[in-house]
Structure formats: C-alpha cells, structure tokens
Amino acid sequence: MCYREKMKLLAKGDANTAIGIMMTRKTRDPDFFFEHTVDAEGQLKNMFWCDSQSRQDYLDFGDVIVFDNTYKMNRYGMPFIPFVGLNNHRKTTVFGCAIVSDETEQTYVWLLQTFLRSMCQKMPKSVITDADAAMIKAIREVLPDVWHRICTWHIEKI
C-alpha cells in the first residue's frame, strides 16, 4: 500500500486501519515491534511501535532516553510520545513511539513495560522527562533503579 493510500485511510479516523498497517509491517519485518490496547468499547486506547533500526539503535545508544509527550497535537487529541536518545554522532535517534489515550500512571506503566519488552528488557541508565507526576510515579514503579532527571527546559519554565 502506498503512502497516499495509507493517509487517505487514516484521514477517515479508522484506528483499525492503523493497526492493520502495523500488523502488515510486523509480518514483513520480524524485528518490527507493535502492541496496542483497546477499551471496553473496542476503541483504540494505546499503541506503541518501533522498527528494527530503532531497536538496534537502543541496544547501541540507549543509556539515556528522553520520554516526553506532545500535548494532543494530532487530530484525535491523543498524546504522541516518542522515546528518543542520542547516537554516537550526537544526533537524535528515535527508539520507539506511542499514541496514548490519557496521561495516567496506569497508562505510563503500560507504556514503559511495553517499551522494555520491545527492547528485550534492557534498562536505560537514565531517563529524562518533564515534571509530570503520573510519569514520575510510573518510572518509580517500572524503572526503580534508573536515574530520573527532569528536563532543564521544563525546570526553567516553572
């Protein structure tokens, strides 16, 4: 399926189409990782994915991850959360991405556990976030031995 066809299907707001696209990628690339959850009505609740290159980059450069969300910048009003770090050339590299339905501790716990599953349970040494209370609680639960730091940009905004 070409890019334009995918965008037309997604523009209709069909989460099943997005899930189908992810499942197709998973069958083409055995190292592509994708998980999602749905609510009681069958609506998409959370979705996490990363490709084989992202997984390899995390194994090579995943000592420090930045875990932050864009605040509902898409048409569905769902926070988009990239997991990023720096490679050996000091360039940003994406380790994985997620779309979630809310910003609760439970959602962040699911997301961090899913991220770790995608990365063969390899723990980062440090994680940088904003000062979101739910994120902090989830990190303490899922990554208790990992150094947690607040992004300086968020500290300066307070």
Protein backbone atom coordinates (compact mmCIF):
# COMPACT_ATOMS: atom_id res chain seq x y z
CA MET A 1 0.00 0.00 0.00
CA CYS A 2 1.47 3.36 -0.97
CA TYR A 3 1.84 6.32 1.37
CA ARG A 4 -1.03 8.31 -0.17
CA GLU A 5 -3.45 5.40 0.17
CA LYS A 6 -2.45 4.96 3.82
CA MET A 7 -3.00 8.65 4.51
CA LYS A 8 -6.45 8.58 2.89
CA LEU A 9 -7.48 5.64 5.05
CA LEU A 10 -6.06 7.21 8.21
CA ALA A 11 -7.74 10.53 7.43
CA LYS A 12 -11.06 8.77 7.88
CA GLY A 13 -10.11 8.19 11.51
CA ASP A 14 -10.07 4.44 11.30
CA ALA A 15 -7.85 3.07 14.06
CA ASN A 16 -8.32 -0.41 12.62
CA THR A 17 -6.52 0.78 9.50
CA ALA A 18 -3.56 1.97 11.57
CA ILE A 19 -3.48 -1.35 13.41
CA GLY A 20 -3.66 -3.18 10.08
CA ILE A 21 -0.73 -1.17 8.73
CA MET A 22 1.31 -2.01 11.85
CA MET A 23 0.44 -5.71 11.59
CA THR A 24 1.49 -5.71 7.92
CA ARG A 25 4.83 -4.16 8.87
CA LYS A 26 5.25 -6.78 11.58
CA THR A 27 4.79 -9.60 9.05
CA ARG A 28 7.29 -8.01 6.64
CA ASP A 29 9.89 -7.22 9.32
CA PRO A 30 10.14 -9.85 12.08
CA ASP A 31 12.03 -7.34 14.26
CA PHE A 32 9.28 -4.71 13.99
CA PHE A 33 7.57 -4.43 17.37
CA PHE A 34 3.96 -3.36 17.81
CA GLU A 35 1.48 -3.60 20.67
CA HIS A 36 -1.83 -1.89 21.32
CA THR A 37 -4.73 -1.93 23.74
CA VAL A 38 -8.41 -1.20 23.26
CA ASP A 39 -11.05 -0.09 25.75
CA ALA A 40 -14.31 -1.86 26.65
CA GLU A 41 -15.99 -0.43 23.53
CA GLY A 42 -13.21 -1.65 21.27
CA GLN A 43 -11.77 1.83 20.71
CA LEU A 44 -8.01 2.22 20.41
CA LYS A 45 -6.59 3.15 23.79
CA ASN A 46 -2.80 2.84 23.46
CA MET A 47 -0.42 1.98 20.66
CA PHE A 48 3.38 1.51 20.76
CA TRP A 49 5.69 0.65 17.89
CA CYS A 50 9.35 0.57 16.92
CA ASP A 51 11.17 -0.81 13.91
CA SER A 52 14.26 -2.96 13.70
CA GLN A 53 16.60 0.02 13.27
CA SER A 54 15.15 1.75 16.35
CA ARG A 55 15.62 -1.43 18.38
CA GLN A 56 19.25 -1.74 17.24
CA ASP A 57 19.87 1.94 17.98
CA TYR A 58 18.53 1.46 21.51
CA LEU A 59 20.83 -1.51 22.08
CA ASP A 60 23.76 0.63 20.89
CA PHE A 61 22.83 4.05 22.31
CA GLY A 62 20.08 3.50 24.89
CA ASP A 63 21.92 4.56 28.03
CA VAL A 64 19.84 7.73 28.26
CA ILE A 65 16.28 8.09 26.97
CA VAL A 66 14.06 11.12 26.78
CA PHE A 67 10.44 10.25 27.45
CA ASP A 68 8.10 13.17 26.79
CA ASN A 69 4.81 13.75 25.06
CA THR A 70 3.48 16.24 22.59
CA TYR A 71 0.29 17.52 24.07
CA LYS A 72 -2.55 16.27 21.90
CA MET A 73 -1.17 17.76 18.71
CA ASN A 74 -2.93 15.32 16.38
CA ARG A 75 -6.48 15.30 15.08
CA TYR A 76 -7.51 12.64 17.59
CA GLY A 77 -6.46 14.63 20.64
CA MET A 78 -4.24 11.76 21.77
CA PRO A 79 -0.78 12.47 23.21
CA PHE A 80 2.07 11.29 20.98
CA ILE A 81 5.09 10.04 22.92
CA PRO A 82 8.44 9.47 21.24
CA PHE A 83 11.28 7.74 23.09
CA VAL A 84 14.48 9.38 21.88
CA GLY A 85 18.18 9.47 22.61
CA LEU A 86 21.49 10.49 21.05
CA ASN A 87 23.70 8.36 18.85
CA ASN A 88 27.50 8.42 18.67
CA HIS A 89 27.32 11.45 16.34
CA ARG A 90 25.24 13.37 18.88
CA LYS A 91 22.24 13.18 16.57
CA THR A 92 18.74 12.48 17.83
CA THR A 93 17.63 8.91 17.29
CA VAL A 94 14.14 7.57 17.83
CA PHE A 95 13.88 4.38 19.86
CA GLY A 96 10.11 3.99 19.71
CA CYS A 97 6.81 5.87 19.50
CA ALA A 98 3.43 5.70 21.15
CA ILE A 99 -0.02 7.20 20.99
CA VAL A 100 -1.97 7.02 24.24
CA SER A 101 -5.49 7.95 25.22
CA ASP A 102 -4.66 9.55 28.57
CA GLU A 103 -1.78 10.62 30.76
CA THR A 104 -2.39 8.48 33.83
CA GLU A 105 0.08 6.48 35.88
CA GLN A 106 -1.55 3.26 34.66
CA THR A 107 -1.05 4.25 31.01
CA TYR A 108 2.58 5.23 31.59
CA VAL A 109 3.21 1.95 33.43
CA TRP A 110 1.82 0.05 30.43
CA LEU A 111 3.92 2.17 28.08
CA LEU A 112 7.19 1.73 29.98
CA GLN A 113 6.62 -2.02 30.39
CA THR A 114 5.86 -2.30 26.68
CA PHE A 115 8.94 -0.26 25.80
CA LEU A 116 11.11 -2.58 27.90
CA ARG A 117 9.54 -5.66 26.27
CA SER A 118 10.34 -4.22 22.86
CA MET A 119 13.95 -3.72 23.94
CA CYS A 120 14.48 -7.20 25.41
CA GLN A 121 14.21 -5.82 28.98
CA LYS A 122 17.39 -3.72 28.56
CA MET A 123 17.14 -0.93 31.14
CA PRO A 124 18.43 2.54 30.37
CA LYS A 125 20.84 4.09 32.85
CA SER A 126 18.94 7.38 32.94
CA VAL A 127 15.60 8.76 31.80
CA ILE A 128 14.77 12.43 31.23
CA THR A 129 11.16 13.64 31.42
CA ASP A 130 9.09 16.67 32.18
CA ALA A 131 7.81 17.02 35.75
CA ASP A 132 4.55 15.12 35.14
CA ALA A 133 3.50 13.41 38.40
CA ALA A 134 1.98 10.36 36.69
CA MET A 135 5.14 9.85 34.65
CA ILE A 136 7.31 10.10 37.75
CA LYS A 137 5.22 7.50 39.61
CA ALA A 138 5.32 5.13 36.64
CA ILE A 139 9.08 5.47 36.35
CA ARG A 140 9.49 4.72 40.05
CA GLU A 141 7.39 1.57 39.60
CA VAL A 142 8.80 0.23 36.33
CA LEU A 143 12.34 1.66 36.37
CA PRO A 144 13.13 1.87 40.10
CA ASP A 145 16.93 1.65 39.71
CA VAL A 146 17.18 4.07 36.78
CA TRP A 147 18.30 7.65 37.34
CA HIS A 148 15.40 10.00 36.65
CA ARG A 149 16.07 13.60 35.70
CA ILE A 150 13.76 16.49 34.86
CA CYS A 151 14.47 18.27 31.59
CA THR A 152 16.15 21.63 32.19
CA TRP A 153 13.75 23.33 29.77
CA HIS A 154 10.83 22.28 31.98
CA ILE A 155 12.66 23.36 35.13
CA GLU A 156 13.31 26.82 33.68
CA LYS A 157 9.62 27.19 32.74
CA ILE A 158 8.49 26.72 36.36
